[in-house]
Amino acid sequence: MPVFEEEFEIRASVEAVWGFLLDPARLAPCIPGCDELRAEDERNWRLRLTVKVGMLSTTQEVKVTITEAEAPRHLVSVGRGEDRKLGGRAEVKTTLDLTPVEPGATRVRYRSEARVLGPLGSVGDAVMKVKAGQLGAEFAARVRAALEGSP
């Protein structure tokens, strides 16, 4: 099961970052490949995600359930997605931790454990890690720009 980890800092308070990450309307544009993101209730979200990995492109209909939330510092979610056209499935457990590093700055750290089945699962862990790193860097840059007001 591939594990993806990312850490970045944002010039915003822990509370501001937490509020941003739990606001689907503000978060959606920061998720690379996110076509749609909506909250069904406080703990359940739906999103449609299109990602190209290697030679394959997948569009996943994903249900995300928040399984633990200790505002404003710690969140665990489980996402299950399916691409009916490609015949693949993905399951991802993500742990998110926010830590103040100085007044008005926050370290965001997340760890995702992924299980990918079907054609996309045959791509291999090394390719998936490279793609996850690219998507993680893009996500961090977009969140930073949204919260810090930089381009």
C-alpha atoms as a PDB file:
ATOM      1  CA  MET A   1       0.000   0.000   0.000  1.00  0.00           C
ATOM      2  CA  PRO A   2       1.716   3.231  -1.121  1.00  0.00           C
ATOM      3  CA  VAL A   3       2.120   5.959   1.486  1.00  0.00           C
ATOM      4  CA  PHE A   4       2.323   9.615   0.482  1.00  0.00           C
ATOM      5  CA  GLU A   5       3.456  12.322   2.885  1.00  0.00           C
ATOM      6  CA  GLU A   6       3.646  16.072   2.435  1.00  0.00           C
ATOM      7  CA  GLU A   7       4.445  18.988   4.706  1.00  0.00           C
ATOM      8  CA  PHE A   8       4.277  22.711   4.014  1.00  0.00           C
ATOM      9  CA  GLU A   9       3.884  26.007   5.846  1.00  0.00           C
ATOM     10  CA  ILE A  10       1.302  28.733   5.374  1.00  0.00           C
ATOM     11  CA  ARG A  11       1.310  32.277   6.724  1.00  0.00           C
ATOM     12  CA  ALA A  12      -2.099  31.936   8.376  1.00  0.00           C
ATOM     13  CA  SER A  13      -3.334  30.882  11.797  1.00  0.00           C
ATOM     14  CA  VAL A  14      -4.226  27.269  12.568  1.00  0.00           C
ATOM     15  CA  GLU A  15      -7.879  28.306  12.901  1.00  0.00           C
ATOM     16  CA  ALA A  16      -7.864  30.034   9.499  1.00  0.00           C
ATOM     17  CA  VAL A  17      -6.260  27.015   7.811  1.00  0.00           C
ATOM     18  CA  TRP A  18      -8.692  24.609   9.511  1.00  0.00           C
ATOM     19  CA  GLY A  19     -11.697  26.669   8.431  1.00  0.00           C
ATOM     20  CA  PHE A  20     -10.377  26.859   4.876  1.00  0.00           C
ATOM     21  CA  LEU A  21      -9.745  23.111   4.591  1.00  0.00           C
ATOM     22  CA  LEU A  22     -13.285  22.330   5.790  1.00  0.00           C
ATOM     23  CA  ASP A  23     -14.961  24.748   3.351  1.00  0.00           C
ATOM     24  CA  PRO A  24     -15.717  22.841   0.119  1.00  0.00           C
ATOM     25  CA  ALA A  25     -16.311  25.992  -1.943  1.00  0.00           C
ATOM     26  CA  ARG A  26     -12.900  27.425  -1.038  1.00  0.00           C
ATOM     27  CA  LEU A  27     -11.036  24.114  -1.029  1.00  0.00           C
ATOM     28  CA  ALA A  28     -12.238  22.704  -4.379  1.00  0.00           C
ATOM     29  CA  PRO A  29     -10.142  25.031  -6.601  1.00  0.00           C
ATOM     30  CA  CYS A  30      -7.021  23.968  -4.671  1.00  0.00           C
ATOM     31  CA  ILE A  31      -7.407  20.244  -5.372  1.00  0.00           C
ATOM     32  CA  PRO A  32      -5.707  19.376  -8.666  1.00  0.00           C
ATOM     33  CA  GLY A  33      -8.164  17.660 -11.006  1.00  0.00           C
ATOM     34  CA  CYS A  34     -11.208  18.360  -8.824  1.00  0.00           C
ATOM     35  CA  ASP A  35     -14.252  18.824 -11.048  1.00  0.00           C
ATOM     36  CA  GLU A  36     -16.753  19.002  -8.199  1.00  0.00           C
ATOM     37  CA  LEU A  37     -16.707  19.003  -4.391  1.00  0.00           C
ATOM     38  CA  ARG A  38     -19.724  19.186  -2.137  1.00  0.00           C
ATOM     39  CA  ALA A  39     -20.528  18.425   1.467  1.00  0.00           C
ATOM     40  CA  GLU A  40     -23.455  16.093   2.095  1.00  0.00           C
ATOM     41  CA  ASP A  41     -23.222  16.843   5.822  1.00  0.00           C
ATOM     42  CA  GLU A  42     -20.490  17.677   8.359  1.00  0.00           C
ATOM     43  CA  ARG A  43     -18.706  14.345   7.964  1.00  0.00           C
ATOM     44  CA  ASN A  44     -19.462  13.197   4.408  1.00  0.00           C
ATOM     45  CA  TRP A  45     -18.281  14.801   1.189  1.00  0.00           C
ATOM     46  CA  ARG A  46     -18.505  13.854  -2.477  1.00  0.00           C
ATOM     47  CA  LEU A  47     -16.033  14.804  -5.138  1.00  0.00           C
ATOM     48  CA  ARG A  48     -15.261  14.058  -8.739  1.00  0.00           C
ATOM     49  CA  LEU A  49     -11.560  13.920  -9.472  1.00  0.00           C
ATOM     50  CA  THR A  50      -9.792  13.516 -12.824  1.00  0.00           C
ATOM     51  CA  VAL A  51      -6.106  12.610 -12.745  1.00  0.00           C
ATOM     52  CA  LYS A  52      -3.665  11.366 -15.356  1.00  0.00           C
ATOM     53  CA  VAL A  53      -1.046   8.911 -14.086  1.00  0.00           C
ATOM     54  CA  GLY A  54       1.427   7.645 -16.638  1.00  0.00           C
ATOM     55  CA  MET A  55      -0.532   6.725 -19.762  1.00  0.00           C
ATOM     56  CA  LEU A  56      -3.836   6.350 -17.892  1.00  0.00           C
ATOM     57  CA  SER A  57      -6.435   8.963 -17.086  1.00  0.00           C
ATOM     58  CA  THR A  58      -9.034   8.270 -14.431  1.00  0.00           C
ATOM     59  CA  THR A  59     -12.134  10.091 -13.300  1.00  0.00           C
ATOM     60  CA  GLN A  60     -13.089   8.942  -9.831  1.00  0.00           C
ATOM     61  CA  GLU A  61     -16.397   9.521  -8.097  1.00  0.00           C
ATOM     62  CA  VAL A  62     -15.177   9.706  -4.496  1.00  0.00           C
ATOM     63  CA  LYS A  63     -17.001   9.615  -1.172  1.00  0.00           C
ATOM     64  CA  VAL A  64     -14.938  11.051   1.686  1.00  0.00           C
ATOM     65  CA  THR A  65     -15.916  10.425   5.297  1.00  0.00           C
ATOM     66  CA  ILE A  66     -14.291  12.306   8.157  1.00  0.00           C
ATOM     67  CA  THR A  67     -13.674   9.640  10.796  1.00  0.00           C
ATOM     68  CA  GLU A  68     -11.863  11.793  13.387  1.00  0.00           C
ATOM     69  CA  ALA A  69     -11.859  15.546  13.934  1.00  0.00           C
ATOM     70  CA  GLU A  70     -10.144  17.416  16.754  1.00  0.00           C
ATOM     71  CA  ALA A  71     -10.591  21.052  15.732  1.00  0.00           C
ATOM     72  CA  PRO A  72      -8.443  22.872  14.803  1.00  0.00           C
ATOM     73  CA  ARG A  73      -5.470  20.502  14.799  1.00  0.00           C
ATOM     74  CA  HIS A  74      -6.178  16.931  13.666  1.00  0.00           C
ATOM     75  CA  LEU A  75      -8.390  15.263  11.069  1.00  0.00           C
ATOM     76  CA  VAL A  76      -8.603  11.731   9.677  1.00  0.00           C
ATOM     77  CA  SER A  77     -10.644  10.905   6.599  1.00  0.00           C
ATOM     78  CA  VAL A  78     -11.306   7.868   4.463  1.00  0.00           C
ATOM     79  CA  GLY A  79     -12.039   8.243   0.775  1.00  0.00           C
ATOM     80  CA  ARG A  80     -13.397   5.574  -1.546  1.00  0.00           C
ATOM     81  CA  GLY A  81     -13.549   6.197  -5.256  1.00  0.00           C
ATOM     82  CA  GLU A  82     -14.589   4.343  -8.345  1.00  0.00           C
ATOM     83  CA  ASP A  83     -13.957   4.857 -12.047  1.00  0.00           C
ATOM     84  CA  ARG A  84     -16.683   2.839 -13.771  1.00  0.00           C
ATOM     85  CA  LYS A  85     -15.362   3.582 -17.251  1.00  0.00           C
ATOM     86  CA  LEU A  86     -11.795   2.431 -16.500  1.00  0.00           C
ATOM     87  CA  GLY A  87     -12.891  -0.252 -14.065  1.00  0.00           C
ATOM     88  CA  GLY A  88     -10.747   0.908 -11.170  1.00  0.00           C
ATOM     89  CA  ARG A  89     -11.177   1.649  -7.502  1.00  0.00           C
ATOM     90  CA  ALA A  90      -9.176   3.596  -4.971  1.00  0.00           C
ATOM     91  CA  GLU A  91      -9.256   3.805  -1.187  1.00  0.00           C
ATOM     92  CA  VAL A  92      -7.292   6.444   0.679  1.00  0.00           C
ATOM     93  CA  LYS A  93      -6.931   7.063   4.404  1.00  0.00           C
ATOM     94  CA  THR A  94      -5.550  10.529   5.099  1.00  0.00           C
ATOM     95  CA  THR A  95      -4.332  11.979   8.375  1.00  0.00           C
ATOM     96  CA  LEU A  96      -3.991  15.763   8.533  1.00  0.00           C
ATOM     97  CA  ASP A  97      -2.232  17.648  11.323  1.00  0.00           C
ATOM     98  CA  LEU A  98      -1.975  21.417  11.728  1.00  0.00           C
ATOM     99  CA  THR A  99       0.698  22.868  14.006  1.00  0.00           C
ATOM    100  CA  PRO A 100       1.361  26.525  14.801  1.00  0.00           C
ATOM    101  CA  VAL A 101       5.007  27.325  14.029  1.00  0.00           C
ATOM    102  CA  GLU A 102       4.930  31.006  15.006  1.00  0.00           C
ATOM    103  CA  PRO A 103       2.195  33.594  15.470  1.00  0.00           C
ATOM    104  CA  GLY A 104       0.176  33.643  12.263  1.00  0.00           C
ATOM    105  CA  ALA A 105       1.896  30.657  10.614  1.00  0.00           C
ATOM    106  CA  THR A 106       0.902  26.998  10.403  1.00  0.00           C
ATOM    107  CA  ARG A 107       2.638  23.786   9.389  1.00  0.00           C
ATOM    108  CA  VAL A 108       0.319  21.492   7.429  1.00  0.00           C
ATOM    109  CA  ARG A 109       1.315  17.842   7.444  1.00  0.00           C
ATOM    110  CA  TYR A 110      -0.620  15.038   5.858  1.00  0.00           C
ATOM    111  CA  ARG A 111      -0.078  11.348   5.331  1.00  0.00           C
ATOM    112  CA  SER A 112      -2.131   9.302   2.886  1.00  0.00           C
ATOM    113  CA  GLU A 113      -2.218   5.540   2.635  1.00  0.00           C
ATOM    114  CA  ALA A 114      -3.623   4.513  -0.735  1.00  0.00           C
ATOM    115  CA  ARG A 115      -4.889   1.267  -2.175  1.00  0.00           C
ATOM    116  CA  VAL A 116      -5.507   1.364  -5.919  1.00  0.00           C
ATOM    117  CA  LEU A 117      -7.142  -1.516  -7.780  1.00  0.00           C
ATOM    118  CA  GLY A 118      -7.692  -2.072 -11.483  1.00  0.00           C
ATOM    119  CA  PRO A 119      -5.661  -0.704 -14.404  1.00  0.00           C
ATOM    120  CA  LEU A 120      -4.414   2.295 -12.411  1.00  0.00           C
ATOM    121  CA  GLY A 121      -3.053  -0.026  -9.735  1.00  0.00           C
ATOM    122  CA  SER A 122      -0.775  -1.619 -12.334  1.00  0.00           C
ATOM    123  CA  VAL A 123       1.102   1.658 -12.875  1.00  0.00           C
ATOM    124  CA  GLY A 124       3.362   0.935  -9.904  1.00  0.00           C
ATOM    125  CA  ASP A 125       4.208   2.590  -6.608  1.00  0.00           C
ATOM    126  CA  ALA A 126       7.174   4.573  -7.952  1.00  0.00           C
ATOM    127  CA  VAL A 127       5.084   6.292 -10.653  1.00  0.00           C
ATOM    128  CA  MET A 128       2.244   6.868  -8.167  1.00  0.00           C
ATOM    129  CA  LYS A 129       4.646   8.473  -5.658  1.00  0.00           C
ATOM    130  CA  VAL A 130       6.029  10.852  -8.289  1.00  0.00           C
ATOM    131  CA  LYS A 131       2.501  11.847  -9.350  1.00  0.00           C
ATOM    132  CA  ALA A 132       1.379  12.220  -5.719  1.00  0.00           C
ATOM    133  CA  GLY A 133       4.383  14.473  -5.069  1.00  0.00           C
ATOM    134  CA  GLN A 134       3.474  16.671  -8.047  1.00  0.00           C
ATOM    135  CA  LEU A 135      -0.171  16.893  -6.983  1.00  0.00           C
ATOM    136  CA  GLY A 136       0.841  17.580  -3.357  1.00  0.00           C
ATOM    137  CA  ALA A 137       3.124  20.440  -4.403  1.00  0.00           C
ATOM    138  CA  GLU A 138       0.400  21.922  -6.607  1.00  0.00           C
ATOM    139  CA  PHE A 139      -2.154  21.622  -3.794  1.00  0.00           C
ATOM    140  CA  ALA A 140       0.205  23.317  -1.317  1.00  0.00           C
ATOM    141  CA  ALA A 141       0.896  26.174  -3.744  1.00  0.00           C
ATOM    142  CA  ARG A 142      -2.820  26.729  -4.380  1.00  0.00           C
ATOM    143  CA  VAL A 143      -3.728  26.662  -0.673  1.00  0.00           C
ATOM    144  CA  ARG A 144      -0.890  29.062   0.084  1.00  0.00           C
ATOM    145  CA  ALA A 145      -2.038  31.424  -2.676  1.00  0.00           C
ATOM    146  CA  ALA A 146      -5.646  31.290  -1.478  1.00  0.00           C
ATOM    147  CA  LEU A 147      -4.809  31.946   2.179  1.00  0.00           C
ATOM    148  CA  GLU A 148      -1.865  34.300   1.767  1.00  0.00           C
ATOM    149  CA  GLY A 149      -3.242  36.203  -1.191  1.00  0.00           C
ATOM    150  CA  SER A 150      -0.164  35.542  -3.322  1.00  0.00           C
ATOM    151  CA  PRO A 151      -0.417  34.733  -7.058  1.00  0.00           C
END
